[in-house]
Amino acid sequence: MNRLKQLFITLPFLMTMALNSTAQKQRSLLALGDSYTIGESVPIYESFPYQTVQLLRKKGMNVHAAEIIAKTGWTTDELMDGIEKTTFVQPYDIVSLLIGVNNQYRGKDPSAYEQEFEKLLKKAIAFAGGNKQHVFVLSIPDWGATPFAASRDRVKIGKEIDLFNAINRKITEAAGIAYISITEGSREATSNPLLVAKDGLHPSGIEYGRWAKKLADVILQQVRRLN
């Protein structure tokens, strides 16, 4: 009788442990982009992918350190080239995509951006195992609001950024993928120097933290659908 009683006590405990183990499986995060994704001019732990992981961990999600495919200055075609030269371990539980500021900065054709962004989004979906609920797109911030652009035509820059964002938003939403807008917040840099890194161009850790908060919140809203 004692052995039978012990068995009835042990089995529920083991089942609970197994369920907890499954629920807490380590998830993977892939971040695709450019200087905004690697966190140019700030320590790595202040980049938005790193801060996103930390926020998710604080909320109880077991997330591995972010894998980042990005480089300062990359345009959409250069990101695609970087992807083609990289070996990936798929699928990823979370994939973020933020790209396009250098297309605008170099005066590249918006129609070419449209085609290349759509290809990159399809790549991101593939990296997520085909599950669109695992993919998250961030809008392009407005570098025209930074001290670096003080002597430039900020109105023109802002309009061009809006044009590129209209393109990536249309493609993202048509695909049924979460779109996180960070552009308007980035424009607060004109009146808040704390949002800009020491180089006068890139976001500070504080600004990256605001992006990470938005991204983490959306990820957590969809966590029950992440398999």
Protein backbone atom coordinates (compact mmCIF):
# COMPACT_ATOMS: atom_id res chain seq x y z
CA MET A 1 0.00 0.00 0.00
CA ASN A 2 2.85 2.39 0.85
CA ARG A 3 4.47 1.78 -2.55
CA LEU A 4 1.15 2.34 -4.34
CA LYS A 5 0.56 5.56 -2.40
CA GLN A 6 4.06 6.76 -3.25
CA LEU A 7 3.45 5.99 -6.94
CA PHE A 8 0.28 8.11 -6.98
CA ILE A 9 2.22 10.99 -5.37
CA THR A 10 5.23 10.70 -7.70
CA LEU A 11 3.40 10.46 -11.03
CA PRO A 12 1.65 13.87 -10.85
CA PHE A 13 4.93 15.45 -9.75
CA LEU A 14 6.78 13.96 -12.73
CA MET A 15 4.03 15.01 -15.12
CA THR A 16 4.18 18.59 -13.78
CA MET A 17 7.95 18.65 -14.17
CA ALA A 18 7.65 17.41 -17.76
CA LEU A 19 5.07 20.05 -18.61
CA ASN A 20 7.20 22.80 -17.08
CA SER A 21 10.20 21.55 -19.02
CA THR A 22 8.25 21.71 -22.28
CA ALA A 23 6.84 25.14 -21.49
CA GLN A 24 10.30 26.47 -20.71
CA LYS A 25 12.09 25.16 -23.78
CA GLN A 26 14.79 27.54 -24.91
CA ARG A 27 13.67 29.69 -27.78
CA SER A 28 15.85 31.18 -30.50
CA LEU A 29 15.86 34.73 -31.86
CA LEU A 30 17.28 35.87 -35.20
CA ALA A 31 17.66 39.60 -35.87
CA LEU A 32 18.18 40.80 -39.45
CA GLY A 33 19.17 44.35 -40.35
CA ASP A 34 21.87 47.00 -40.40
CA SER A 35 23.58 49.34 -37.90
CA TYR A 36 20.33 49.77 -35.96
CA THR A 37 20.26 46.03 -35.34
CA ILE A 38 23.88 45.59 -34.24
CA GLY A 39 23.59 48.67 -32.02
CA GLU A 40 26.23 50.89 -33.61
CA SER A 41 27.93 53.26 -31.11
CA VAL A 42 26.54 51.54 -28.00
CA PRO A 43 27.70 48.46 -26.01
CA ILE A 44 26.28 45.17 -27.32
CA TYR A 45 24.12 44.78 -24.22
CA GLU A 46 22.31 48.02 -25.15
CA SER A 47 21.37 46.88 -28.67
CA PHE A 48 17.66 46.31 -29.17
CA PRO A 49 17.94 42.54 -29.84
CA TYR A 50 19.92 42.08 -26.61
CA GLN A 51 17.50 44.21 -24.60
CA THR A 52 14.56 42.35 -26.13
CA VAL A 53 15.98 39.03 -24.96
CA GLN A 54 16.50 40.42 -21.46
CA LEU A 55 12.92 41.70 -21.28
CA LEU A 56 11.54 38.35 -22.46
CA ARG A 57 13.63 36.53 -19.86
CA LYS A 58 12.30 38.81 -17.12
CA LYS A 59 8.80 37.80 -18.22
CA GLY A 60 9.64 34.14 -17.84
CA MET A 61 10.45 33.21 -21.42
CA ASN A 62 13.58 31.11 -21.85
CA VAL A 63 15.36 32.75 -24.78
CA HIS A 64 18.83 32.05 -26.11
CA ALA A 65 21.16 34.97 -26.90
CA ALA A 66 20.12 36.66 -30.15
CA GLU A 67 21.77 35.65 -33.40
CA ILE A 68 22.37 38.83 -35.41
CA ILE A 69 22.91 39.12 -39.16
CA ALA A 70 23.53 42.82 -39.74
CA LYS A 71 26.24 45.30 -40.66
CA THR A 72 26.56 49.07 -40.56
CA GLY A 73 25.69 50.55 -43.94
CA TRP A 74 23.82 47.55 -45.30
CA THR A 75 21.02 48.11 -47.79
CA THR A 76 18.36 45.51 -48.60
CA ASP A 77 20.45 43.87 -51.34
CA GLU A 78 23.53 43.75 -49.10
CA LEU A 79 21.54 42.15 -46.29
CA MET A 80 20.31 39.53 -48.76
CA ASP A 81 23.89 38.90 -49.84
CA GLY A 82 24.94 38.57 -46.20
CA ILE A 83 22.16 36.06 -45.61
CA GLU A 84 23.20 34.00 -48.62
CA LYS A 85 26.75 33.79 -47.24
CA THR A 86 25.63 32.65 -43.78
CA THR A 87 24.79 29.16 -42.53
CA PHE A 88 21.69 29.08 -40.35
CA VAL A 89 20.28 26.59 -37.88
CA GLN A 90 16.56 26.71 -38.64
CA PRO A 91 13.82 27.22 -37.71
CA TYR A 92 13.93 30.17 -35.30
CA ASP A 93 11.19 30.90 -32.78
CA ILE A 94 11.47 34.67 -33.26
CA VAL A 95 12.74 36.58 -36.32
CA SER A 96 12.98 40.37 -36.50
CA LEU A 97 13.61 42.49 -39.59
CA LEU A 98 14.61 46.17 -39.70
CA ILE A 99 16.14 47.38 -42.96
CA GLY A 100 15.97 50.29 -45.39
CA VAL A 101 17.58 53.39 -43.88
CA ASN A 102 20.65 53.02 -46.08
CA ASN A 103 18.48 52.61 -49.18
CA GLN A 104 17.05 56.03 -48.38
CA TYR A 105 20.41 57.54 -47.36
CA ARG A 106 22.08 56.48 -50.63
CA GLY A 107 19.16 57.64 -52.73
CA LYS A 108 18.27 54.18 -53.97
CA ASP A 109 15.10 53.53 -55.96
CA PRO A 110 12.06 52.92 -53.71
CA SER A 111 10.67 50.45 -56.27
CA ALA A 112 13.84 48.34 -55.98
CA TYR A 113 13.49 48.54 -52.19
CA GLU A 114 9.94 47.24 -52.49
CA GLN A 115 11.05 44.16 -54.42
CA GLU A 116 14.05 43.47 -52.20
CA PHE A 117 12.18 44.01 -48.94
CA GLU A 118 9.50 41.55 -50.02
CA LYS A 119 12.19 38.95 -50.74
CA LEU A 120 13.77 39.55 -47.34
CA LEU A 121 10.42 39.21 -45.61
CA LYS A 122 9.87 35.87 -47.34
CA LYS A 123 13.33 34.83 -46.14
CA ALA A 124 12.41 35.83 -42.60
CA ILE A 125 9.23 33.76 -42.79
CA ALA A 126 11.25 30.79 -44.03
CA PHE A 127 13.69 31.21 -41.15
CA ALA A 128 10.69 31.04 -38.81
CA GLY A 129 9.68 27.70 -40.27
CA GLY A 130 6.91 29.26 -42.31
CA ASN A 131 5.06 30.51 -39.23
CA LYS A 132 4.24 34.19 -39.76
CA GLN A 133 3.39 34.59 -36.08
CA HIS A 134 7.10 34.21 -35.39
CA VAL A 135 8.12 37.19 -37.56
CA PHE A 136 8.27 40.85 -36.47
CA VAL A 137 9.08 43.87 -38.64
CA LEU A 138 10.23 47.21 -37.23
CA SER A 139 9.82 50.48 -39.14
CA ILE A 140 12.81 52.60 -40.18
CA PRO A 141 13.69 55.32 -37.65
CA ASP A 142 14.17 58.90 -38.84
CA TRP A 143 17.86 59.80 -38.72
CA GLY A 144 16.89 63.30 -39.87
CA ALA A 145 15.96 64.05 -36.26
CA THR A 146 19.54 63.53 -35.04
CA PRO A 147 22.31 66.14 -34.56
CA PHE A 148 24.12 64.53 -37.52
CA ALA A 149 21.41 65.86 -39.82
CA ALA A 150 21.33 69.38 -38.37
CA SER A 151 22.76 70.93 -41.55
CA ARG A 152 20.62 68.83 -43.91
CA ASP A 153 17.06 69.08 -45.16
CA ARG A 154 15.28 67.32 -42.31
CA VAL A 155 11.84 67.71 -43.88
CA LYS A 156 13.03 65.99 -47.05
CA ILE A 157 14.67 63.18 -45.08
CA GLY A 158 11.51 62.67 -43.05
CA LYS A 159 9.31 62.47 -46.14
CA GLU A 160 11.63 59.93 -47.77
CA ILE A 161 11.72 57.83 -44.59
CA ASP A 162 7.92 57.91 -44.54
CA LEU A 163 7.85 56.73 -48.16
CA PHE A 164 10.10 53.75 -47.45
CA ASN A 165 8.08 52.92 -44.34
CA ALA A 166 4.84 53.07 -46.32
CA ILE A 167 6.35 50.44 -48.61
CA ASN A 168 7.57 48.07 -45.91
CA ARG A 169 4.39 48.47 -43.88
CA LYS A 170 2.14 47.66 -46.84
CA ILE A 171 4.13 44.50 -47.63
CA THR A 172 4.30 43.44 -43.98
CA GLU A 173 0.62 43.89 -43.21
CA ALA A 174 -0.43 42.27 -46.50
CA ALA A 175 1.55 39.21 -45.41
CA GLY A 176 -0.24 39.16 -42.04
CA ILE A 177 2.90 39.89 -40.05
CA ALA A 178 3.28 42.08 -36.95
CA TYR A 179 4.54 45.59 -37.72
CA ILE A 180 6.12 47.66 -34.94
CA SER A 181 6.33 51.40 -35.64
CA ILE A 182 9.28 53.13 -33.98
CA THR A 183 9.61 56.08 -36.38
CA GLU A 184 7.58 58.71 -34.54
CA GLY A 185 9.37 57.96 -31.30
CA SER A 186 12.74 58.33 -33.02
CA ARG A 187 11.78 61.88 -34.04
CA GLU A 188 11.75 62.91 -30.39
CA ALA A 189 15.55 63.02 -30.68
CA THR A 190 15.26 66.62 -31.90
CA SER A 191 14.24 67.66 -28.38
CA ASN A 192 15.73 64.86 -26.28
CA PRO A 193 19.49 64.35 -26.67
CA LEU A 194 19.36 61.33 -24.36
CA LEU A 195 17.85 59.33 -27.22
CA VAL A 196 20.99 59.72 -29.36
CA ALA A 197 24.34 57.94 -29.02
CA LYS A 198 27.62 59.84 -28.68
CA ASP A 199 28.20 59.71 -32.46
CA GLY A 200 25.24 62.06 -32.92
CA LEU A 201 23.59 59.74 -35.43
CA HIS A 202 22.62 56.39 -33.99
CA PRO A 203 20.14 55.72 -31.18
CA SER A 204 21.29 55.53 -27.57
CA GLY A 205 20.73 52.56 -25.31
CA ILE A 206 17.68 54.38 -23.95
CA GLU A 207 16.11 54.62 -27.40
CA TYR A 208 16.99 51.02 -28.23
CA GLY A 209 15.33 50.09 -24.95
CA ARG A 210 12.10 51.72 -26.11
CA TRP A 211 12.21 49.66 -29.32
CA ALA A 212 12.93 46.51 -27.32
CA LYS A 213 9.95 47.18 -25.05
CA LYS A 214 7.61 47.51 -28.03
CA LEU A 215 9.00 44.39 -29.69
CA ALA A 216 8.96 42.29 -26.51
CA ASP A 217 5.36 43.31 -25.77
CA VAL A 218 4.19 42.11 -29.20
CA ILE A 219 6.19 38.88 -28.89
CA LEU A 220 4.63 38.19 -25.49
CA GLN A 221 1.14 38.81 -26.90
CA GLN A 222 1.80 36.03 -29.40
CA VAL A 223 3.77 33.69 -27.14
CA ARG A 224 0.89 31.25 -26.76
CA ARG A 225 1.03 30.78 -30.53
CA LEU A 226 4.80 30.20 -30.60
CA ASN A 227 5.30 26.46 -30.86
